[in-house]
Amino acid sequence: MRVLIVEDQAEIAALLAEKVLHAGFSADIVGAVAEARAAIEARDYSVMLLDRRLPDGDGVSIIRSVREARPNMRVLMLTAMRGIDEMIDGLDAGADDYLTKPFDPEELMARIRAVLRRPGPQTAPSVRVGGLSFELDEQRGFVNGRLFLAPKLELILLGALMRRAGLAVTRADLLEEIYGVQGADQADALKMLIHRLRQRLKNQGAKADIHAARGIGYLIRSADE
């Protein structure tokens, strides 16, 4: 699981990262609202540890802007603001938990484990882009009621893109999901897989295109956009 740490104080961010890594999670650190939004668009996170006061705005604004797009991401707010109104504001915005500074790192990890145990909201059983609908659980697609025919690796790639339709998925995430490893050989294989899937979508009339996101990876969206 991957954790996004949104904290502008370097010492606190380093402490959080150390505890998260020790618990077996991966961690990314950003220090501003804009950076957090960019990170969330580029990668899936299981948990976000979110400071309330950031240099370019209130951390609550991040929750409000991404909750709809990332319904399964858990959000723990970490803040020096102790007022009950501030706590209510954060929870009403969609935070799963709220911890005031200073806090015990072990309590923080316990709260992370607790929110991860909670059942998340039900995700849509299928996603539609253009004329293509894709059943996420079954890893199969349909175009105008007809089964979308493709080899297994292309369907895994398509599923990874459709789960985050309209958002860029990093090459690293795609490589890990498709092949389980990363390397030069797999990077070349991914390019070929993208090429074949693009052509297959076109040939079967899906009206969905795969686009390169420069410096990030790839995204899928309707051909009409």
Protein backbone atom coordinates (compact mmCIF):
# COMPACT_ATOMS: atom_id res chain seq x y z
CA MET A 1 0.00 0.00 0.00
CA ARG A 2 1.16 3.54 -0.73
CA VAL A 3 0.76 6.54 1.58
CA LEU A 4 0.82 10.19 0.52
CA ILE A 5 2.25 12.48 3.20
CA VAL A 6 1.17 16.10 2.76
CA GLU A 7 3.30 18.05 5.23
CA ASP A 8 5.39 21.20 4.70
CA GLN A 9 7.55 20.79 7.84
CA ALA A 10 10.50 18.64 6.76
CA GLU A 11 11.21 17.12 10.18
CA ILE A 12 7.62 16.02 10.70
CA ALA A 13 7.38 14.69 7.13
CA ALA A 14 10.58 12.67 7.61
CA LEU A 15 9.27 11.21 10.89
CA LEU A 16 5.99 10.23 9.27
CA ALA A 17 7.78 8.65 6.32
CA GLU A 18 10.05 6.66 8.65
CA LYS A 19 7.08 5.23 10.56
CA VAL A 20 5.15 4.45 7.39
CA LEU A 21 8.10 2.71 5.75
CA HIS A 22 8.82 0.74 8.93
CA ALA A 23 5.21 -0.51 8.84
CA GLY A 24 5.75 -1.87 5.33
CA PHE A 25 4.05 0.86 3.31
CA SER A 26 5.52 2.96 0.50
CA ALA A 27 5.49 6.73 1.00
CA ASP A 28 5.57 9.90 -1.09
CA ILE A 29 6.03 13.35 0.47
CA VAL A 30 4.67 16.66 -0.83
CA GLY A 31 4.46 20.00 0.94
CA ALA A 32 1.67 21.98 -0.70
CA VAL A 33 -1.95 21.76 -1.87
CA ALA A 34 -1.01 21.97 -5.56
CA GLU A 35 1.62 19.25 -5.19
CA ALA A 36 -0.85 16.99 -3.38
CA ARG A 37 -3.45 17.35 -6.12
CA ALA A 38 -0.86 16.54 -8.79
CA ALA A 39 0.30 13.46 -6.86
CA ILE A 40 -3.25 12.17 -6.42
CA GLU A 41 -3.97 12.56 -10.13
CA ALA A 42 -0.81 10.67 -11.03
CA ARG A 43 -0.95 7.76 -8.58
CA ASP A 44 -3.34 5.72 -6.45
CA TYR A 45 -2.86 5.98 -2.68
CA SER A 46 -4.42 3.91 0.08
CA VAL A 47 -3.99 6.64 2.70
CA MET A 48 -3.28 10.36 2.74
CA LEU A 49 -1.77 11.96 5.87
CA LEU A 50 -2.83 15.55 5.45
CA ASP A 51 -1.58 18.62 7.28
CA ARG A 52 -4.27 21.29 7.71
CA ARG A 53 -2.11 24.39 7.27
CA LEU A 54 -0.13 24.38 4.03
CA PRO A 55 1.79 27.21 2.31
CA ASP A 56 -0.71 27.55 -0.53
CA GLY A 57 -3.98 26.85 1.25
CA ASP A 58 -6.08 24.81 3.65
CA GLY A 59 -5.67 21.04 3.48
CA VAL A 60 -9.45 20.67 3.70
CA SER A 61 -9.68 21.94 0.12
CA ILE A 62 -7.76 18.87 -1.06
CA ILE A 63 -10.32 16.51 0.45
CA ARG A 64 -13.21 18.37 -1.11
CA SER A 65 -11.62 18.34 -4.56
CA VAL A 66 -10.54 14.68 -4.67
CA ARG A 67 -13.09 12.77 -2.58
CA GLU A 68 -15.35 12.13 -5.56
CA ALA A 69 -12.48 11.00 -7.79
CA ARG A 70 -10.78 8.84 -5.11
CA PRO A 71 -13.64 7.47 -2.96
CA ASN A 72 -11.56 4.62 -1.52
CA MET A 73 -8.60 6.71 -0.37
CA ARG A 74 -8.47 7.09 3.42
CA VAL A 75 -7.66 10.60 4.70
CA LEU A 76 -6.20 11.32 8.14
CA MET A 77 -5.85 14.99 9.00
CA LEU A 78 -2.85 16.00 11.12
CA THR A 79 -3.01 19.51 12.50
CA ALA A 80 -2.08 21.84 15.33
CA MET A 81 -5.60 23.35 15.13
CA ARG A 82 -7.37 21.97 18.20
CA GLY A 83 -10.73 23.74 17.99
CA ILE A 84 -13.84 21.55 17.72
CA ASP A 85 -15.09 23.64 14.80
CA GLU A 86 -11.92 22.92 12.83
CA MET A 87 -12.25 19.20 13.58
CA ILE A 88 -15.87 19.15 12.46
CA ASP A 89 -14.95 21.07 9.32
CA GLY A 90 -12.32 18.48 8.38
CA LEU A 91 -14.55 15.48 9.10
CA ASP A 92 -17.50 16.99 7.26
CA ALA A 93 -15.27 17.59 4.25
CA GLY A 94 -14.62 13.84 4.07
CA ALA A 95 -11.65 13.10 6.36
CA ASP A 96 -11.76 9.63 7.91
CA ASP A 97 -9.95 10.65 11.10
CA TYR A 98 -8.40 13.69 12.77
CA LEU A 99 -5.28 13.80 14.93
CA THR A 100 -3.90 16.94 16.59
CA LYS A 101 -0.20 17.78 16.91
CA PRO A 102 1.87 16.83 18.77
CA PHE A 103 0.85 13.18 18.44
CA ASP A 104 2.34 9.83 19.36
CA PRO A 105 3.65 8.10 16.19
CA GLU A 106 2.40 4.76 17.47
CA GLU A 107 -1.10 6.18 17.88
CA LEU A 108 -0.91 7.46 14.31
CA MET A 109 -0.03 4.00 12.98
CA ALA A 110 -2.86 2.48 15.00
CA ARG A 111 -5.29 4.97 13.46
CA ILE A 112 -3.99 4.16 9.96
CA ARG A 113 -4.60 0.46 10.58
CA ALA A 114 -8.05 1.25 11.92
CA VAL A 115 -9.21 3.29 8.93
CA LEU A 116 -7.85 0.67 6.53
CA ARG A 117 -10.01 -1.94 8.24
CA ARG A 118 -13.16 0.06 7.67
CA PRO A 119 -15.25 -0.98 4.67
CA GLY A 120 -14.91 1.55 1.88
CA PRO A 121 -17.67 2.90 -0.32
CA GLN A 122 -18.87 0.64 -3.08
CA THR A 123 -17.15 1.38 -6.34
CA ALA A 124 -19.02 1.33 -9.60
CA PRO A 125 -19.06 -2.21 -11.09
CA SER A 126 -18.26 -0.82 -14.49
CA VAL A 127 -16.72 2.27 -16.10
CA ARG A 128 -17.66 3.76 -19.45
CA VAL A 129 -15.38 5.68 -21.80
CA GLY A 130 -16.70 6.50 -25.26
CA GLY A 131 -18.48 3.39 -26.54
CA LEU A 132 -16.54 1.07 -24.22
CA SER A 133 -17.84 -0.18 -20.89
CA PHE A 134 -15.47 -2.14 -18.67
CA GLU A 135 -16.38 -4.39 -15.75
CA LEU A 136 -13.66 -3.77 -13.20
CA ASP A 137 -14.20 -6.91 -11.14
CA GLU A 138 -14.43 -9.24 -14.12
CA GLN A 139 -11.72 -7.51 -16.19
CA ARG A 140 -13.79 -7.57 -19.36
CA GLY A 141 -15.11 -4.92 -21.70
CA PHE A 142 -18.05 -4.47 -24.05
CA VAL A 143 -18.53 -2.29 -27.10
CA ASN A 144 -22.18 -1.74 -28.01
CA GLY A 145 -23.11 -4.95 -26.22
CA ARG A 146 -20.39 -7.02 -27.89
CA LEU A 147 -17.56 -8.51 -25.85
CA PHE A 148 -14.32 -6.60 -26.36
CA LEU A 149 -11.81 -9.21 -27.51
CA ALA A 150 -8.20 -8.82 -26.42
CA PRO A 151 -5.34 -10.90 -24.93
CA LYS A 152 -4.98 -11.07 -21.15
CA LEU A 153 -2.15 -8.53 -20.81
CA GLU A 154 -4.03 -5.98 -22.88
CA LEU A 155 -7.11 -6.45 -20.68
CA ILE A 156 -4.99 -5.92 -17.55
CA LEU A 157 -3.61 -2.74 -19.10
CA LEU A 158 -7.09 -1.62 -20.12
CA GLY A 159 -8.41 -2.26 -16.61
CA ALA A 160 -5.61 -0.22 -15.05
CA LEU A 161 -6.43 2.72 -17.34
CA MET A 162 -10.22 2.40 -16.99
CA ARG A 163 -10.09 2.41 -13.18
CA ARG A 164 -8.61 5.90 -13.44
CA ALA A 165 -10.34 6.97 -16.64
CA GLY A 166 -9.48 10.54 -17.60
CA LEU A 167 -6.48 10.62 -15.24
CA ALA A 168 -2.87 9.89 -16.08
CA VAL A 169 -1.52 6.58 -14.78
CA THR A 170 2.24 6.47 -14.28
CA ARG A 171 4.40 4.09 -16.30
CA ALA A 172 5.71 2.67 -13.04
CA ASP A 173 2.20 1.78 -11.85
CA LEU A 174 1.31 0.21 -15.19
CA LEU A 175 4.50 -1.86 -15.27
CA GLU A 176 3.95 -3.07 -11.72
CA GLU A 177 0.32 -3.98 -12.35
CA ILE A 178 0.94 -5.76 -15.67
CA TYR A 179 4.31 -7.40 -15.15
CA GLY A 180 4.96 -7.11 -11.42
CA VAL A 181 8.43 -5.72 -12.13
CA GLN A 182 10.07 -2.71 -13.74
CA GLY A 183 12.98 -2.52 -16.15
CA ALA A 184 14.11 -1.52 -19.61
CA ASP A 185 12.72 -4.68 -21.21
CA GLN A 186 9.33 -4.21 -19.56
CA ALA A 187 9.24 -0.52 -20.52
CA ASP A 188 9.67 -1.47 -24.18
CA ALA A 189 7.04 -4.18 -23.81
CA LEU A 190 4.62 -1.62 -22.33
CA LYS A 191 5.04 0.63 -25.36
CA MET A 192 4.20 -2.26 -27.68
CA LEU A 193 1.24 -3.24 -25.51
CA ILE A 194 -0.10 0.32 -25.60
CA HIS A 195 0.28 0.37 -29.40
CA ARG A 196 -1.59 -2.92 -29.85
CA LEU A 197 -4.38 -1.93 -27.46
CA ARG A 198 -4.85 1.43 -29.19
CA GLN A 199 -5.28 -0.33 -32.51
CA ARG A 200 -7.64 -2.92 -31.05
CA LEU A 201 -9.85 -0.23 -29.51
CA LYS A 202 -10.02 1.50 -32.89
CA ASN A 203 -10.71 -1.70 -34.84
CA GLN A 204 -13.57 -2.72 -32.54
CA GLY A 205 -15.19 0.73 -32.61
CA ALA A 206 -14.71 1.51 -28.92
CA LYS A 207 -14.42 5.29 -29.50
CA ALA A 208 -11.87 5.42 -26.68
CA ASP A 209 -8.31 6.65 -27.15
CA ILE A 210 -5.14 6.11 -25.11
CA HIS A 211 -3.04 9.26 -24.84
CA ALA A 212 0.50 9.77 -23.59
CA ALA A 213 0.81 12.16 -20.64
CA ARG A 214 4.26 13.67 -21.06
CA GLY A 215 6.55 12.89 -18.17
CA ILE A 216 3.88 10.83 -16.36
CA GLY A 217 2.42 7.90 -18.29
CA TYR A 218 -0.85 7.27 -20.12
CA LEU A 219 -4.56 7.98 -19.82
CA ILE A 220 -7.70 6.80 -21.58
CA ARG A 221 -10.57 9.07 -22.58
CA SER A 222 -13.39 9.31 -25.08
CA ALA A 223 -12.37 9.82 -28.69
CA ASP A 224 -14.96 12.63 -28.83
CA GLU A 225 -13.15 14.74 -26.18
